[in-house]
């Protein structure tokens, strides 16, 4: 082996230590399974079971219709709010130009609750993820007026064969305007073990956190920094969402494991 073939020694100096999660601003919302309020429309302090534009996402090639409370898409259990996905007995026609949706997806969105919005601040979700292939769980932020931008604190791409729901992590920010994305920045090939964390996203609760300040957007899991982006969206007013989309083939039995996300609590801090 020549000198040029020798492995490069790791760089051990010149890097800062990872940041630990420290909420930015004043705590303005702190709710658990006994106090999280939701209905199909949403309102002040009340999460909606739909997106601002409706109950389907045709541009994403999703195969799940975001169900209502009556459909059992979002339910309160003893210690968690369950966002439930399943195969529907009868597909739902969302009248969006796509074939009827064979699966139920689930979402909680704060787009109707101005008191849960912030420009700069932090959000913390305490969740256990689904382990069913075909689920697409996500924790994210959207602006008050239109898309993009978007901040994805976590997405679980189980429809990707390289993805492992119990251990894989990703974050993304999307920029643009007037419904057209101009750029996307992603950190995709990350694992819980990269940060000294257990591969138990689907069997135990973990805290996903994000802080947005004028200069930076920083993501954490269980208080450990995983990703940091320069903030290209200063002054944007954000609201949080949590969801389990479905991206399973229409003929999938969609029965293995659980298709539910369990949300134990959510907290929001605001500095502006």
C-alpha atoms as a PDB file:
ATOM      1  CA  UNK A   1       0.000   0.000   0.000  1.00  0.00           C
ATOM      2  CA  UNK A   2       1.389   3.393  -0.952  1.00  0.00           C
ATOM      3  CA  UNK A   3       1.183   6.453   1.245  1.00  0.00           C
ATOM      4  CA  UNK A   4      -1.563   7.809  -0.993  1.00  0.00           C
ATOM      5  CA  UNK A   5      -3.644   4.662  -0.374  1.00  0.00           C
ATOM      6  CA  UNK A   6      -3.432   4.905   3.399  1.00  0.00           C
ATOM      7  CA  UNK A   7      -6.699   5.768   5.162  1.00  0.00           C
ATOM      8  CA  UNK A   8      -7.086   9.396   6.117  1.00  0.00           C
ATOM      9  CA  UNK A   9      -6.947   9.825   9.882  1.00  0.00           C
ATOM     10  CA  UNK A  10     -10.096  11.316  11.417  1.00  0.00           C
ATOM     11  CA  UNK A  11     -10.127  15.029  12.167  1.00  0.00           C
ATOM     12  CA  UNK A  12     -10.405  15.454  15.916  1.00  0.00           C
ATOM     13  CA  UNK A  13      -9.904  19.207  16.246  1.00  0.00           C
ATOM     14  CA  UNK A  14     -11.609  22.282  14.856  1.00  0.00           C
ATOM     15  CA  UNK A  15     -15.222  21.184  15.372  1.00  0.00           C
ATOM     16  CA  UNK A  16     -17.560  22.553  17.991  1.00  0.00           C
ATOM     17  CA  UNK A  17     -19.412  20.269  20.369  1.00  0.00           C
ATOM     18  CA  UNK A  18     -23.049  19.550  19.438  1.00  0.00           C
ATOM     19  CA  UNK A  19     -25.603  21.855  20.963  1.00  0.00           C
ATOM     20  CA  UNK A  20     -28.010  20.577  23.609  1.00  0.00           C
ATOM     21  CA  UNK A  21     -31.664  21.527  23.272  1.00  0.00           C
ATOM     22  CA  UNK A  22     -32.493  24.684  25.216  1.00  0.00           C
ATOM     23  CA  UNK A  23     -35.941  26.096  24.401  1.00  0.00           C
ATOM     24  CA  UNK A  24     -36.068  29.579  22.923  1.00  0.00           C
ATOM     25  CA  UNK A  25     -38.597  31.946  24.446  1.00  0.00           C
ATOM     26  CA  UNK A  26     -41.509  31.554  26.824  1.00  0.00           C
ATOM     27  CA  UNK A  27     -43.539  28.370  27.129  1.00  0.00           C
ATOM     28  CA  UNK A  28     -46.919  29.176  25.518  1.00  0.00           C
ATOM     29  CA  UNK A  29     -48.363  25.684  25.051  1.00  0.00           C
ATOM     30  CA  UNK A  30     -47.849  22.541  27.129  1.00  0.00           C
ATOM     31  CA  UNK A  31     -50.326  19.734  26.540  1.00  0.00           C
ATOM     32  CA  UNK A  32     -50.511  15.974  26.974  1.00  0.00           C
ATOM     33  CA  UNK A  33     -53.061  13.301  26.092  1.00  0.00           C
ATOM     34  CA  UNK A  34     -55.490  14.648  28.681  1.00  0.00           C
ATOM     35  CA  UNK A  35     -55.386  18.245  27.450  1.00  0.00           C
ATOM     36  CA  UNK A  36     -54.718  18.216  23.684  1.00  0.00           C
ATOM     37  CA  UNK A  37     -57.897  19.466  22.008  1.00  0.00           C
ATOM     38  CA  UNK A  38     -58.750  18.515  18.430  1.00  0.00           C
ATOM     39  CA  UNK A  39     -61.676  18.407  16.027  1.00  0.00           C
ATOM     40  CA  UNK A  40     -62.194  18.347  12.280  1.00  0.00           C
ATOM     41  CA  UNK A  41     -62.096  22.130  11.796  1.00  0.00           C
ATOM     42  CA  UNK A  42     -59.648  23.388  14.417  1.00  0.00           C
ATOM     43  CA  UNK A  43     -59.661  26.786  16.104  1.00  0.00           C
ATOM     44  CA  UNK A  44     -57.963  28.726  18.906  1.00  0.00           C
ATOM     45  CA  UNK A  45     -56.070  26.141  20.920  1.00  0.00           C
ATOM     46  CA  UNK A  46     -57.672  23.348  18.885  1.00  0.00           C
ATOM     47  CA  UNK A  47     -55.829  21.127  16.388  1.00  0.00           C
ATOM     48  CA  UNK A  48     -57.476  20.294  13.063  1.00  0.00           C
ATOM     49  CA  UNK A  49     -57.656  16.789  11.567  1.00  0.00           C
ATOM     50  CA  UNK A  50     -57.155  18.273   8.081  1.00  0.00           C
ATOM     51  CA  UNK A  51     -54.558  20.304   6.238  1.00  0.00           C
ATOM     52  CA  UNK A  52     -55.308  23.909   5.384  1.00  0.00           C
ATOM     53  CA  UNK A  53     -56.064  22.869   1.777  1.00  0.00           C
ATOM     54  CA  UNK A  54     -58.118  19.763   2.560  1.00  0.00           C
ATOM     55  CA  UNK A  55     -57.809  16.037   3.260  1.00  0.00           C
ATOM     56  CA  UNK A  56     -55.537  14.801   0.496  1.00  0.00           C
ATOM     57  CA  UNK A  57     -52.063  15.457  -0.901  1.00  0.00           C
ATOM     58  CA  UNK A  58     -52.258  14.455  -4.588  1.00  0.00           C
ATOM     59  CA  UNK A  59     -48.950  16.120  -5.497  1.00  0.00           C
ATOM     60  CA  UNK A  60     -47.117  13.725  -3.159  1.00  0.00           C
ATOM     61  CA  UNK A  61     -48.623  10.599  -4.745  1.00  0.00           C
ATOM     62  CA  UNK A  62     -49.999   9.667  -1.338  1.00  0.00           C
ATOM     63  CA  UNK A  63     -52.570   6.872  -1.135  1.00  0.00           C
ATOM     64  CA  UNK A  64     -54.114   7.897   2.191  1.00  0.00           C
ATOM     65  CA  UNK A  65     -57.100  10.187   2.806  1.00  0.00           C
ATOM     66  CA  UNK A  66     -56.761  12.274   5.979  1.00  0.00           C
ATOM     67  CA  UNK A  67     -59.614  10.962   8.049  1.00  0.00           C
ATOM     68  CA  UNK A  68     -62.019  12.704  10.401  1.00  0.00           C
ATOM     69  CA  UNK A  69     -62.655  12.195  14.094  1.00  0.00           C
ATOM     70  CA  UNK A  70     -65.752  10.139  13.219  1.00  0.00           C
ATOM     71  CA  UNK A  71     -63.570   7.875  11.065  1.00  0.00           C
ATOM     72  CA  UNK A  72     -61.272   7.273  14.048  1.00  0.00           C
ATOM     73  CA  UNK A  73     -58.261   8.941  12.431  1.00  0.00           C
ATOM     74  CA  UNK A  74     -57.344  10.705  15.683  1.00  0.00           C
ATOM     75  CA  UNK A  75     -58.245   9.230  19.052  1.00  0.00           C
ATOM     76  CA  UNK A  76     -57.366   9.939  22.677  1.00  0.00           C
ATOM     77  CA  UNK A  77     -56.129   6.944  24.686  1.00  0.00           C
ATOM     78  CA  UNK A  78     -55.184   6.830  28.354  1.00  0.00           C
ATOM     79  CA  UNK A  79     -51.674   8.191  27.861  1.00  0.00           C
ATOM     80  CA  UNK A  80     -51.381   9.324  24.241  1.00  0.00           C
ATOM     81  CA  UNK A  81     -53.165  10.828  21.275  1.00  0.00           C
ATOM     82  CA  UNK A  82     -53.192   8.232  18.487  1.00  0.00           C
ATOM     83  CA  UNK A  83     -52.899   9.256  14.833  1.00  0.00           C
ATOM     84  CA  UNK A  84     -54.306   6.123  13.209  1.00  0.00           C
ATOM     85  CA  UNK A  85     -53.902   4.769   9.691  1.00  0.00           C
ATOM     86  CA  UNK A  86     -55.600   1.743   8.155  1.00  0.00           C
ATOM     87  CA  UNK A  87     -57.054   0.250   5.007  1.00  0.00           C
ATOM     88  CA  UNK A  88     -60.546   1.650   4.461  1.00  0.00           C
ATOM     89  CA  UNK A  89     -63.545  -0.604   3.969  1.00  0.00           C
ATOM     90  CA  UNK A  90     -64.510   1.607   1.027  1.00  0.00           C
ATOM     91  CA  UNK A  91     -62.038   3.940  -0.763  1.00  0.00           C
ATOM     92  CA  UNK A  92     -62.754   7.661  -0.441  1.00  0.00           C
ATOM     93  CA  UNK A  93     -63.046   9.915  -3.481  1.00  0.00           C
ATOM     94  CA  UNK A  94     -61.427  13.221  -2.484  1.00  0.00           C
ATOM     95  CA  UNK A  95     -62.402  14.809  -5.823  1.00  0.00           C
ATOM     96  CA  UNK A  96     -58.830  15.957  -6.370  1.00  0.00           C
ATOM     97  CA  UNK A  97     -58.172  14.318  -9.724  1.00  0.00           C
ATOM     98  CA  UNK A  98     -56.706  11.166  -8.172  1.00  0.00           C
ATOM     99  CA  UNK A  99     -58.294   7.713  -7.912  1.00  0.00           C
ATOM    100  CA  UNK A 100     -60.217   7.072  -4.675  1.00  0.00           C
ATOM    101  CA  UNK A 101     -57.949   6.662  -1.663  1.00  0.00           C
ATOM    102  CA  UNK A 102     -57.848   3.095  -0.259  1.00  0.00           C
ATOM    103  CA  UNK A 103     -56.203   4.039   3.047  1.00  0.00           C
ATOM    104  CA  UNK A 104     -56.839   6.381   5.946  1.00  0.00           C
ATOM    105  CA  UNK A 105     -54.065   8.813   6.874  1.00  0.00           C
ATOM    106  CA  UNK A 106     -54.076  11.042   9.963  1.00  0.00           C
ATOM    107  CA  UNK A 107     -52.915  14.545  10.835  1.00  0.00           C
ATOM    108  CA  UNK A 108     -53.114  17.216  13.524  1.00  0.00           C
ATOM    109  CA  UNK A 109     -52.472  20.738  12.236  1.00  0.00           C
ATOM    110  CA  UNK A 110     -52.420  24.062  14.075  1.00  0.00           C
ATOM    111  CA  UNK A 111     -53.219  26.166  10.980  1.00  0.00           C
ATOM    112  CA  UNK A 112     -56.446  27.444  12.605  1.00  0.00           C
ATOM    113  CA  UNK A 113     -54.804  28.279  15.932  1.00  0.00           C
ATOM    114  CA  UNK A 114     -52.930  31.586  15.937  1.00  0.00           C
ATOM    115  CA  UNK A 115     -52.078  31.125  19.613  1.00  0.00           C
ATOM    116  CA  UNK A 116     -49.862  28.166  18.659  1.00  0.00           C
ATOM    117  CA  UNK A 117     -47.874  30.123  16.063  1.00  0.00           C
ATOM    118  CA  UNK A 118     -44.440  31.700  16.433  1.00  0.00           C
ATOM    119  CA  UNK A 119     -41.814  33.484  14.379  1.00  0.00           C
ATOM    120  CA  UNK A 120     -38.875  32.459  16.551  1.00  0.00           C
ATOM    121  CA  UNK A 121     -39.119  29.786  19.199  1.00  0.00           C
ATOM    122  CA  UNK A 122     -39.074  26.027  19.777  1.00  0.00           C
ATOM    123  CA  UNK A 123     -41.344  22.995  19.490  1.00  0.00           C
ATOM    124  CA  UNK A 124     -41.026  19.605  21.189  1.00  0.00           C
ATOM    125  CA  UNK A 125     -43.023  16.509  20.238  1.00  0.00           C
ATOM    126  CA  UNK A 126     -42.879  13.410  22.495  1.00  0.00           C
ATOM    127  CA  UNK A 127     -43.835  10.560  20.167  1.00  0.00           C
ATOM    128  CA  UNK A 128     -43.596   6.878  19.307  1.00  0.00           C
ATOM    129  CA  UNK A 129     -43.485   6.164  15.575  1.00  0.00           C
ATOM    130  CA  UNK A 130     -45.390   3.570  13.524  1.00  0.00           C
ATOM    131  CA  UNK A 131     -43.529   0.516  12.210  1.00  0.00           C
ATOM    132  CA  UNK A 132     -45.801  -0.429   9.304  1.00  0.00           C
ATOM    133  CA  UNK A 133     -44.273  -0.395   5.818  1.00  0.00           C
ATOM    134  CA  UNK A 134     -46.110   2.197   3.735  1.00  0.00           C
ATOM    135  CA  UNK A 135     -46.452   4.767   6.521  1.00  0.00           C
ATOM    136  CA  UNK A 136     -44.895   8.204   6.118  1.00  0.00           C
ATOM    137  CA  UNK A 137     -44.831   9.818   9.580  1.00  0.00           C
ATOM    138  CA  UNK A 138     -43.783  13.446   9.862  1.00  0.00           C
ATOM    139  CA  UNK A 139     -43.254  16.281  12.348  1.00  0.00           C
ATOM    140  CA  UNK A 140     -43.037  19.640  10.616  1.00  0.00           C
ATOM    141  CA  UNK A 141     -43.705  23.382  10.461  1.00  0.00           C
ATOM    142  CA  UNK A 142     -45.628  25.377   7.863  1.00  0.00           C
ATOM    143  CA  UNK A 143     -46.136  29.133   7.408  1.00  0.00           C
ATOM    144  CA  UNK A 144     -49.402  30.944   7.874  1.00  0.00           C
ATOM    145  CA  UNK A 145     -49.765  31.894   4.209  1.00  0.00           C
ATOM    146  CA  UNK A 146     -49.071  29.303   1.524  1.00  0.00           C
ATOM    147  CA  UNK A 147     -46.355  26.773   0.698  1.00  0.00           C
ATOM    148  CA  UNK A 148     -43.374  26.813   0.565  1.00  0.00           C
ATOM    149  CA  UNK A 149     -41.447  27.333   2.856  1.00  0.00           C
ATOM    150  CA  UNK A 150     -41.549  24.191   5.009  1.00  0.00           C
ATOM    151  CA  UNK A 151     -39.411  22.811   7.822  1.00  0.00           C
ATOM    152  CA  UNK A 152     -39.412  19.008   8.228  1.00  0.00           C
ATOM    153  CA  UNK A 153     -38.101  18.130  11.666  1.00  0.00           C
ATOM    154  CA  UNK A 154     -38.597  14.405  11.050  1.00  0.00           C
ATOM    155  CA  UNK A 155     -39.911  12.217   8.239  1.00  0.00           C
ATOM    156  CA  UNK A 156     -40.088   8.423   8.133  1.00  0.00           C
ATOM    157  CA  UNK A 157     -39.797   7.160   4.553  1.00  0.00           C
ATOM    158  CA  UNK A 158     -40.827   3.532   5.081  1.00  0.00           C
ATOM    159  CA  UNK A 159     -41.697   3.202   1.380  1.00  0.00           C
ATOM    160  CA  UNK A 160     -37.944   3.567   0.692  1.00  0.00           C
ATOM    161  CA  UNK A 161     -36.259   0.125   0.922  1.00  0.00           C
ATOM    162  CA  UNK A 162     -33.175   1.719   2.525  1.00  0.00           C
ATOM    163  CA  UNK A 163     -35.231   3.099   5.402  1.00  0.00           C
ATOM    164  CA  UNK A 164     -35.555   1.523   8.856  1.00  0.00           C
ATOM    165  CA  UNK A 165     -38.368   3.083  10.860  1.00  0.00           C
ATOM    166  CA  UNK A 166     -36.855   2.109  14.215  1.00  0.00           C
ATOM    167  CA  UNK A 167     -33.558   3.918  13.597  1.00  0.00           C
ATOM    168  CA  UNK A 168     -33.470   6.132  10.469  1.00  0.00           C
ATOM    169  CA  UNK A 169     -33.681   9.929  10.686  1.00  0.00           C
ATOM    170  CA  UNK A 170     -34.049  12.749   8.196  1.00  0.00           C
ATOM    171  CA  UNK A 171     -34.610  16.504   8.209  1.00  0.00           C
ATOM    172  CA  UNK A 172     -35.358  18.882   5.329  1.00  0.00           C
ATOM    173  CA  UNK A 173     -36.095  22.532   4.655  1.00  0.00           C
ATOM    174  CA  UNK A 174     -37.967  23.615   1.508  1.00  0.00           C
ATOM    175  CA  UNK A 175     -37.812  27.146   0.071  1.00  0.00           C
ATOM    176  CA  UNK A 176     -39.695  28.991  -2.628  1.00  0.00           C
ATOM    177  CA  UNK A 177     -42.936  30.896  -3.084  1.00  0.00           C
ATOM    178  CA  UNK A 178     -46.349  30.776  -4.751  1.00  0.00           C
ATOM    179  CA  UNK A 179     -46.599  26.976  -4.539  1.00  0.00           C
ATOM    180  CA  UNK A 180     -43.284  26.477  -6.354  1.00  0.00           C
ATOM    181  CA  UNK A 181     -40.271  25.002  -4.598  1.00  0.00           C
ATOM    182  CA  UNK A 182     -37.010  26.754  -5.491  1.00  0.00           C
ATOM    183  CA  UNK A 183     -34.659  24.688  -3.305  1.00  0.00           C
ATOM    184  CA  UNK A 184     -34.505  21.820  -0.864  1.00  0.00           C
ATOM    185  CA  UNK A 185     -31.806  21.056   1.699  1.00  0.00           C
ATOM    186  CA  UNK A 186     -31.847  17.639   3.350  1.00  0.00           C
ATOM    187  CA  UNK A 187     -29.971  15.532   5.856  1.00  0.00           C
ATOM    188  CA  UNK A 188     -31.167  12.048   4.977  1.00  0.00           C
ATOM    189  CA  UNK A 189     -28.736   9.215   5.700  1.00  0.00           C
ATOM    190  CA  UNK A 190     -28.715   9.533   9.495  1.00  0.00           C
ATOM    191  CA  UNK A 191     -29.271   6.888  12.153  1.00  0.00           C
ATOM    192  CA  UNK A 192     -30.150   7.197  15.830  1.00  0.00           C
ATOM    193  CA  UNK A 193     -26.881   5.457  16.671  1.00  0.00           C
ATOM    194  CA  UNK A 194     -24.930   8.236  14.969  1.00  0.00           C
ATOM    195  CA  UNK A 195     -25.880  10.405  17.946  1.00  0.00           C
ATOM    196  CA  UNK A 196     -25.549   7.793  20.679  1.00  0.00           C
ATOM    197  CA  UNK A 197     -29.313   7.183  20.761  1.00  0.00           C
ATOM    198  CA  UNK A 198     -31.141   3.852  20.929  1.00  0.00           C
ATOM    199  CA  UNK A 199     -32.778   2.416  17.805  1.00  0.00           C
ATOM    200  CA  UNK A 200     -36.195   2.409  19.454  1.00  0.00           C
ATOM    201  CA  UNK A 201     -38.225   4.999  17.524  1.00  0.00           C
ATOM    202  CA  UNK A 202     -41.067   2.489  17.019  1.00  0.00           C
ATOM    203  CA  UNK A 203     -41.011   0.855  20.458  1.00  0.00           C
ATOM    204  CA  UNK A 204     -40.299   3.733  22.855  1.00  0.00           C
ATOM    205  CA  UNK A 205     -41.162   7.434  23.099  1.00  0.00           C
ATOM    206  CA  UNK A 206     -38.576   9.961  21.930  1.00  0.00           C
ATOM    207  CA  UNK A 207     -38.559  13.756  21.987  1.00  0.00           C
ATOM    208  CA  UNK A 208     -38.113  15.530  18.660  1.00  0.00           C
ATOM    209  CA  UNK A 209     -37.259  19.221  18.998  1.00  0.00           C
ATOM    210  CA  UNK A 210     -36.647  22.196  16.734  1.00  0.00           C
ATOM    211  CA  UNK A 211     -35.523  25.729  17.459  1.00  0.00           C
ATOM    212  CA  UNK A 212     -35.972  28.528  14.920  1.00  0.00           C
ATOM    213  CA  UNK A 213     -34.034  31.731  15.557  1.00  0.00           C
ATOM    214  CA  UNK A 214     -33.154  34.603  13.204  1.00  0.00           C
ATOM    215  CA  UNK A 215     -29.945  32.923  12.056  1.00  0.00           C
ATOM    216  CA  UNK A 216     -30.476  29.174  12.402  1.00  0.00           C
ATOM    217  CA  UNK A 217     -32.902  26.252  12.308  1.00  0.00           C
ATOM    218  CA  UNK A 218     -31.641  23.502  14.625  1.00  0.00           C
ATOM    219  CA  UNK A 219     -33.089  19.987  15.029  1.00  0.00           C
ATOM    220  CA  UNK A 220     -32.676  17.699  18.027  1.00  0.00           C
ATOM    221  CA  UNK A 221     -33.676  14.213  19.161  1.00  0.00           C
ATOM    222  CA  UNK A 222     -33.861  13.661  22.919  1.00  0.00           C
ATOM    223  CA  UNK A 223     -32.008  16.927  23.398  1.00  0.00           C
ATOM    224  CA  UNK A 224     -29.102  15.983  21.095  1.00  0.00           C
ATOM    225  CA  UNK A 225     -28.437  18.162  18.030  1.00  0.00           C
ATOM    226  CA  UNK A 226     -28.799  16.231  14.758  1.00  0.00           C
ATOM    227  CA  UNK A 227     -28.961  18.942  12.059  1.00  0.00           C
ATOM    228  CA  UNK A 228     -28.469  22.695  11.737  1.00  0.00           C
ATOM    229  CA  UNK A 229     -29.397  24.900   8.776  1.00  0.00           C
ATOM    230  CA  UNK A 230     -28.786  28.588   8.196  1.00  0.00           C
ATOM    231  CA  UNK A 231     -32.277  30.111   8.366  1.00  0.00           C
ATOM    232  CA  UNK A 232     -33.321  31.304   4.879  1.00  0.00           C
ATOM    233  CA  UNK A 233     -36.827  32.229   6.127  1.00  0.00           C
ATOM    234  CA  UNK A 234     -36.353  35.056   8.680  1.00  0.00           C
ATOM    235  CA  UNK A 235     -39.588  36.620   9.861  1.00  0.00           C
ATOM    236  CA  UNK A 236     -41.817  33.709   8.801  1.00  0.00           C
ATOM    237  CA  UNK A 237     -44.768  32.879  11.055  1.00  0.00           C
ATOM    238  CA  UNK A 238     -44.844  29.099  11.726  1.00  0.00           C
ATOM    239  CA  UNK A 239     -47.349  26.583  13.031  1.00  0.00           C
ATOM    240  CA  UNK A 240     -46.620  22.912  13.857  1.00  0.00           C
ATOM    241  CA  UNK A 241     -48.115  19.757  12.378  1.00  0.00           C
ATOM    242  CA  UNK A 242     -47.804  16.024  13.081  1.00  0.00           C
ATOM    243  CA  UNK A 243     -49.043  13.351  10.728  1.00  0.00           C
ATOM    244  CA  UNK A 244     -48.923   9.819   9.433  1.00  0.00           C
ATOM    245  CA  UNK A 245     -49.334   9.928   5.661  1.00  0.00           C
ATOM    246  CA  UNK A 246     -49.703   6.694   3.691  1.00  0.00           C
ATOM    247  CA  UNK A 247     -47.699   5.849   0.614  1.00  0.00           C
ATOM    248  CA  UNK A 248     -48.495   2.152   0.294  1.00  0.00           C
ATOM    249  CA  UNK A 249     -49.374   0.533  -3.050  1.00  0.00           C
ATOM    250  CA  UNK A 250     -53.167   0.439  -3.495  1.00  0.00           C
ATOM    251  CA  UNK A 251     -53.172  -3.374  -3.433  1.00  0.00           C
ATOM    252  CA  UNK A 252     -51.116  -3.592  -0.217  1.00  0.00           C
ATOM    253  CA  UNK A 253     -52.857  -5.447   2.639  1.00  0.00           C
ATOM    254  CA  UNK A 254     -51.381  -2.797   4.949  1.00  0.00           C
ATOM    255  CA  UNK A 255     -51.670  -4.935   8.074  1.00  0.00           C
ATOM    256  CA  UNK A 256     -48.142  -5.610   9.339  1.00  0.00           C
ATOM    257  CA  UNK A 257     -47.244  -3.966  12.649  1.00  0.00           C
ATOM    258  CA  UNK A 258     -48.860  -0.701  13.668  1.00  0.00           C
ATOM    259  CA  UNK A 259     -49.775   2.191  11.399  1.00  0.00           C
ATOM    260  CA  UNK A 260     -50.294   4.558  14.337  1.00  0.00           C
ATOM    261  CA  UNK A 261     -48.205   7.400  15.724  1.00  0.00           C
ATOM    262  CA  UNK A 262     -48.618   7.875  19.486  1.00  0.00           C
ATOM    263  CA  UNK A 263     -48.235  11.483  20.674  1.00  0.00           C
ATOM    264  CA  UNK A 264     -47.650  11.756  24.406  1.00  0.00           C
ATOM    265  CA  UNK A 265     -47.168  15.535  24.596  1.00  0.00           C
ATOM    266  CA  UNK A 266     -46.317  18.667  22.653  1.00  0.00           C
ATOM    267  CA  UNK A 267     -44.794  21.899  23.914  1.00  0.00           C
ATOM    268  CA  UNK A 268     -44.302  25.227  22.136  1.00  0.00           C
ATOM    269  CA  UNK A 269     -42.082  28.137  23.167  1.00  0.00           C
ATOM    270  CA  UNK A 270     -42.220  31.602  21.587  1.00  0.00           C
ATOM    271  CA  UNK A 271     -39.683  34.421  21.670  1.00  0.00           C
ATOM    272  CA  UNK A 272     -41.409  36.365  18.903  1.00  0.00           C
END
